[in-house]
Amino acid sequence: MKQSSLIGGIAAMAGGCSLLLGASLAPAAYRGATYAYGINNAGDVSGSFFGPAVGQFFTHGFVESAEVYTNTTPVLPAFPEATTQETDNFFGLNDSGDVAGYFIDNVSDTYHGFVESGGVYTTLTDPAATYGTVALGINNADNVVGTFYDASGQYGFFESGGIYTTLTVPGAIATVASGINDTGEVAGTFEDASGEDHGFVESGGIYTILDDPAAFPGMTFAEGINDAGDVAGFFGGASGYQGFVATPI
């Protein structure tokens, strides 16, 4: 399994910049390692924590609602191949409580996307994928966005009712779609031919590039988008990594 530096870098840096839940850490978290990635309009939070499993330490997904944590089991029972999983992450969360996420099993070292709804897990595999599928965002229509890998590279995807549409920023060598709003606009990050990262918004097949003015070249990452088209993300600059909100003009 080849792992993309783009998705790995985004996950690592987003984790480092994510909200630590302070006194509301996931109960099984090790040394406070709790990361929040998604929030819905009810204030429920999805994310991951680092904790023990089968004598080792892995990441596990959770949903927190009014200080109550659920779906923090060390394995995903719906997926036998995850019995010895390496990592399980919850990312997108919609107003119905449905979660988009992924896990990596250490049998095939492959990414598996999923949607969790009411304790039921449904796998997501882009038919074009040969090296794995990662689900990152979900809207209230249960449309899912993420990224997948094949022998030639990494691409974004939009999934609706089991139909997958590939998202590729023109000129990109890797594309990650990480957020989607209820109008179907998609936010994400791509890597260009020079190895630099930029944010983007896709709407109706049109891609708008996002580069924070305070960012070092090639260090802007777009994560989420709301129904007004505001985009949240983070960038690397002279003061380190900082968050941003970009508002449509």
Protein backbone atom coordinates (compact mmCIF):
# COMPACT_ATOMS: atom_id res chain seq x y z
CA MET A 1 0.00 0.00 0.00
CA LYS A 2 1.48 3.33 -0.96
CA GLN A 3 0.52 6.13 1.36
CA SER A 4 0.21 9.69 0.07
CA SER A 5 2.28 12.36 1.75
CA LEU A 6 -0.61 14.77 1.10
CA ILE A 7 -3.28 12.95 3.10
CA GLY A 8 -0.71 11.95 5.70
CA GLY A 9 0.49 15.51 6.08
CA ILE A 10 -3.03 16.90 6.29
CA ALA A 11 -4.03 14.34 8.92
CA ALA A 12 -0.91 14.98 10.97
CA MET A 13 -1.06 18.78 10.79
CA ALA A 14 -4.84 18.91 11.19
CA GLY A 15 -4.43 16.72 14.22
CA GLY A 16 -1.79 19.02 15.62
CA CYS A 17 -3.99 22.07 15.03
CA SER A 18 -7.28 20.50 16.04
CA LEU A 19 -9.22 21.43 19.15
CA LEU A 20 -8.11 19.58 22.24
CA LEU A 21 -11.26 18.98 24.23
CA GLY A 22 -9.69 20.09 27.53
CA ALA A 23 -11.59 18.66 30.48
CA SER A 24 -13.79 16.76 28.06
CA LEU A 25 -11.13 14.40 26.74
CA ALA A 26 -12.23 11.02 25.42
CA PRO A 27 -12.19 8.83 28.56
CA ALA A 28 -9.83 6.24 27.05
CA ALA A 29 -7.43 8.78 25.55
CA TYR A 30 -3.76 8.45 26.33
CA ARG A 31 -2.13 11.59 27.79
CA GLY A 32 -4.89 13.85 26.51
CA ALA A 33 -4.46 12.92 22.85
CA THR A 34 -7.97 13.80 21.67
CA TYR A 35 -8.60 15.51 18.32
CA ALA A 36 -11.86 17.03 17.08
CA TYR A 37 -12.40 17.09 13.31
CA GLY A 38 -16.14 17.61 12.71
CA ILE A 39 -19.12 19.34 14.32
CA ASN A 40 -22.78 19.49 13.34
CA ASN A 41 -25.47 22.09 14.00
CA ALA A 42 -26.48 20.37 17.26
CA GLY A 43 -22.97 20.81 18.62
CA ASP A 44 -22.08 17.12 18.44
CA VAL A 45 -18.40 16.55 17.73
CA SER A 46 -16.62 13.81 15.80
CA GLY A 47 -12.94 13.03 16.01
CA SER A 48 -10.28 10.60 17.09
CA PHE A 49 -8.28 9.79 20.19
CA PHE A 50 -5.08 7.89 20.82
CA GLY A 51 -5.56 5.00 23.21
CA PRO A 52 -4.86 1.35 23.98
CA ALA A 53 -6.08 -1.69 22.04
CA VAL A 54 -4.94 -5.29 22.42
CA GLY A 55 -1.87 -4.21 24.37
CA GLN A 56 -0.90 -1.57 21.82
CA PHE A 57 -1.84 2.05 21.11
CA PHE A 58 -3.93 3.04 18.09
CA THR A 59 -6.28 5.86 17.13
CA HIS A 60 -10.03 5.33 17.55
CA GLY A 61 -13.03 7.32 16.33
CA PHE A 62 -15.59 8.91 18.61
CA VAL A 63 -18.72 11.06 18.60
CA GLU A 64 -19.21 13.33 21.61
CA SER A 65 -22.64 14.70 22.53
CA ALA A 66 -23.24 16.52 25.82
CA GLU A 67 -20.06 15.03 27.32
CA VAL A 68 -21.09 11.48 26.34
CA TYR A 69 -18.70 9.60 24.05
CA THR A 70 -19.86 6.84 21.73
CA ASN A 71 -18.32 4.61 19.03
CA THR A 72 -15.00 4.49 20.87
CA THR A 73 -14.57 0.73 20.64
CA PRO A 74 -11.03 -0.35 19.70
CA VAL A 75 -12.20 -2.21 16.61
CA LEU A 76 -15.00 -1.81 14.09
CA PRO A 77 -17.04 -5.00 14.53
CA ALA A 78 -18.57 -4.69 11.08
CA PHE A 79 -15.17 -5.12 9.45
CA PRO A 80 -13.35 -8.39 10.24
CA GLU A 81 -10.19 -7.11 8.60
CA ALA A 82 -10.07 -4.35 11.23
CA THR A 83 -9.65 -6.82 14.09
CA THR A 84 -5.98 -5.91 14.16
CA GLN A 85 -6.51 -2.40 12.86
CA GLU A 86 -3.85 0.26 12.87
CA THR A 87 -6.04 3.34 12.92
CA ASP A 88 -9.73 4.31 12.95
CA ASN A 89 -10.68 7.95 12.38
CA PHE A 90 -14.02 9.76 12.45
CA PHE A 91 -14.01 12.96 10.37
CA GLY A 92 -17.21 14.41 8.86
CA LEU A 93 -20.44 14.59 10.89
CA ASN A 94 -23.86 15.68 9.65
CA ASP A 95 -26.98 16.82 11.52
CA SER A 96 -28.39 13.29 11.61
CA GLY A 97 -25.29 12.08 13.41
CA ASP A 98 -23.97 10.15 10.42
CA VAL A 99 -20.18 10.01 10.36
CA ALA A 100 -17.71 9.70 7.48
CA GLY A 101 -14.34 8.20 8.27
CA TYR A 102 -11.79 5.57 7.48
CA PHE A 103 -9.58 2.94 9.01
CA ILE A 104 -6.35 1.27 8.01
CA ASP A 105 -6.03 -2.44 8.61
CA ASN A 106 -2.62 -3.97 9.13
CA VAL A 107 -3.48 -7.13 7.22
CA SER A 108 -3.39 -5.49 3.79
CA ASP A 109 -2.23 -2.02 4.96
CA THR A 110 -5.13 -0.54 3.02
CA TYR A 111 -7.38 2.46 3.61
CA HIS A 112 -11.09 1.67 3.97
CA GLY A 113 -13.71 4.43 3.87
CA PHE A 114 -17.00 4.10 5.73
CA VAL A 115 -20.16 5.86 6.83
CA GLU A 116 -21.45 5.10 10.32
CA SER A 117 -25.15 5.68 11.02
CA GLY A 118 -26.83 4.54 14.21
CA GLY A 119 -24.10 2.01 14.88
CA VAL A 120 -24.30 0.53 11.38
CA TYR A 121 -21.15 0.77 9.28
CA THR A 122 -21.26 0.88 5.50
CA THR A 123 -18.02 0.58 3.57
CA LEU A 124 -17.21 3.04 0.82
CA THR A 125 -14.89 1.92 -1.97
CA ASP A 126 -14.45 4.04 -5.06
CA PRO A 127 -14.63 1.62 -8.03
CA ALA A 128 -11.56 3.32 -9.52
CA ALA A 129 -9.51 2.72 -6.37
CA THR A 130 -6.84 0.07 -6.29
CA TYR A 131 -4.96 1.16 -3.17
CA GLY A 132 -7.73 2.35 -0.88
CA THR A 133 -10.50 4.87 -0.24
CA VAL A 134 -10.66 7.54 2.48
CA ALA A 135 -13.97 9.22 3.43
CA LEU A 136 -13.58 12.67 4.99
CA GLY A 137 -16.74 14.76 4.63
CA ILE A 138 -20.51 14.22 4.66
CA ASN A 139 -23.46 16.58 4.23
CA ASN A 140 -27.11 16.33 5.31
CA ALA A 141 -28.04 14.51 2.09
CA ASP A 142 -25.45 11.85 3.02
CA ASN A 143 -23.27 12.82 0.06
CA VAL A 144 -19.71 11.88 0.92
CA VAL A 145 -16.37 13.28 -0.24
CA GLY A 146 -12.87 12.01 0.25
CA THR A 147 -9.89 10.69 -1.65
CA PHE A 148 -8.80 7.45 -3.28
CA TYR A 149 -5.65 5.94 -4.70
CA ASP A 150 -4.88 4.00 -7.83
CA ALA A 151 -1.66 2.92 -9.50
CA SER A 152 -1.11 6.35 -11.05
CA GLY A 153 -1.93 8.70 -8.19
CA GLN A 154 -4.41 10.19 -5.75
CA TYR A 155 -7.77 11.77 -6.57
CA GLY A 156 -10.75 13.27 -4.82
CA PHE A 157 -14.21 11.78 -5.04
CA PHE A 158 -17.84 12.78 -4.55
CA GLU A 159 -20.24 9.94 -3.70
CA SER A 160 -24.02 10.14 -3.91
CA GLY A 161 -26.31 7.13 -3.75
CA GLY A 162 -23.49 4.76 -4.58
CA ILE A 163 -22.37 6.73 -7.64
CA TYR A 164 -18.81 8.07 -7.52
CA THR A 165 -17.57 11.14 -9.35
CA THR A 166 -13.82 11.76 -9.53
CA LEU A 167 -12.58 15.21 -8.51
CA THR A 168 -9.21 16.33 -9.85
CA VAL A 169 -7.95 19.90 -9.74
CA PRO A 170 -6.47 20.71 -13.18
CA GLY A 171 -2.71 20.26 -13.05
CA ALA A 172 -2.77 18.49 -9.69
CA ILE A 173 -0.73 15.38 -8.93
CA ALA A 174 -2.87 14.65 -5.84
CA THR A 175 -6.34 15.86 -4.81
CA VAL A 176 -8.09 15.46 -1.44
CA ALA A 177 -11.76 16.46 -1.03
CA SER A 178 -12.34 16.98 2.68
CA GLY A 179 -15.55 18.97 3.15
CA ILE A 180 -18.95 19.33 1.49
CA ASN A 181 -21.89 21.61 2.22
CA ASP A 182 -25.59 21.09 1.61
CA THR A 183 -25.45 22.88 -1.75
CA GLY A 184 -22.85 20.38 -2.98
CA GLU A 185 -19.85 22.70 -2.91
CA VAL A 186 -16.64 20.83 -2.04
CA ALA A 187 -13.55 22.08 -0.23
CA GLY A 188 -10.20 20.36 -0.21
CA THR A 189 -6.49 20.48 -0.88
CA PHE A 190 -4.34 19.55 -3.85
CA GLU A 191 -0.66 19.12 -4.54
CA ASP A 192 0.70 20.70 -7.71
CA ALA A 193 3.51 19.48 -9.97
CA SER A 194 6.05 21.41 -7.87
CA GLY A 195 5.02 19.59 -4.72
CA GLU A 196 3.25 22.61 -3.23
CA ASP A 197 -0.15 22.38 -1.50
CA HIS A 198 -3.11 24.69 -2.12
CA GLY A 199 -6.72 24.80 -0.99
CA PHE A 200 -9.60 24.67 -3.44
CA VAL A 201 -13.36 24.91 -3.73
CA GLU A 202 -15.20 22.94 -6.40
CA SER A 203 -18.68 23.99 -7.48
CA GLY A 204 -20.41 22.63 -10.56
CA GLY A 205 -17.12 21.41 -12.02
CA ILE A 206 -15.40 24.79 -11.56
CA TYR A 207 -12.34 24.88 -9.28
CA THR A 208 -11.33 27.99 -7.34
CA ILE A 209 -7.84 27.95 -5.84
CA LEU A 210 -7.28 29.19 -2.28
CA ASP A 211 -3.93 30.45 -0.98
CA ASP A 212 -3.89 32.37 2.28
CA PRO A 213 -1.93 35.64 1.76
CA ALA A 214 0.00 35.01 4.98
CA ALA A 215 0.99 31.47 4.01
CA PHE A 216 4.37 30.33 2.83
CA PRO A 217 4.13 29.24 -0.83
CA GLY A 218 2.36 25.93 -1.16
CA MET A 219 1.23 25.63 2.45
CA THR A 220 -2.53 26.32 2.42
CA PHE A 221 -4.94 23.52 3.35
CA ALA A 222 -8.76 23.80 3.06
CA GLU A 223 -10.75 21.47 5.30
CA GLY A 224 -14.45 22.40 5.57
CA ILE A 225 -17.12 24.53 3.92
CA ASN A 226 -20.50 25.76 5.18
CA ASP A 227 -23.69 26.50 3.29
CA ALA A 228 -22.68 30.16 2.86
CA GLY A 229 -19.53 29.07 1.08
CA ASP A 230 -17.18 30.05 3.92
CA VAL A 231 -14.13 27.80 3.97
CA ALA A 232 -12.17 26.79 7.07
CA GLY A 233 -8.64 25.46 6.99
CA PHE A 234 -5.10 26.12 8.09
CA PHE A 235 -1.83 27.36 6.64
CA GLY A 236 1.85 27.38 7.42
CA GLY A 237 3.51 30.76 7.69
CA ALA A 238 6.08 32.82 9.53
CA SER A 239 4.25 32.29 12.84
CA GLY A 240 3.78 28.55 12.40
CA TYR A 241 0.50 26.84 11.60
CA GLN A 242 -2.65 28.93 11.98
CA GLY A 243 -6.30 28.49 11.12
CA PHE A 244 -8.20 30.61 8.61
CA VAL A 245 -11.71 31.27 7.37
CA ALA A 246 -12.06 32.37 3.75
CA THR A 247 -15.27 34.18 2.80
CA PRO A 248 -16.52 34.30 -0.81
CA ILE A 249 -16.23 37.71 -2.45
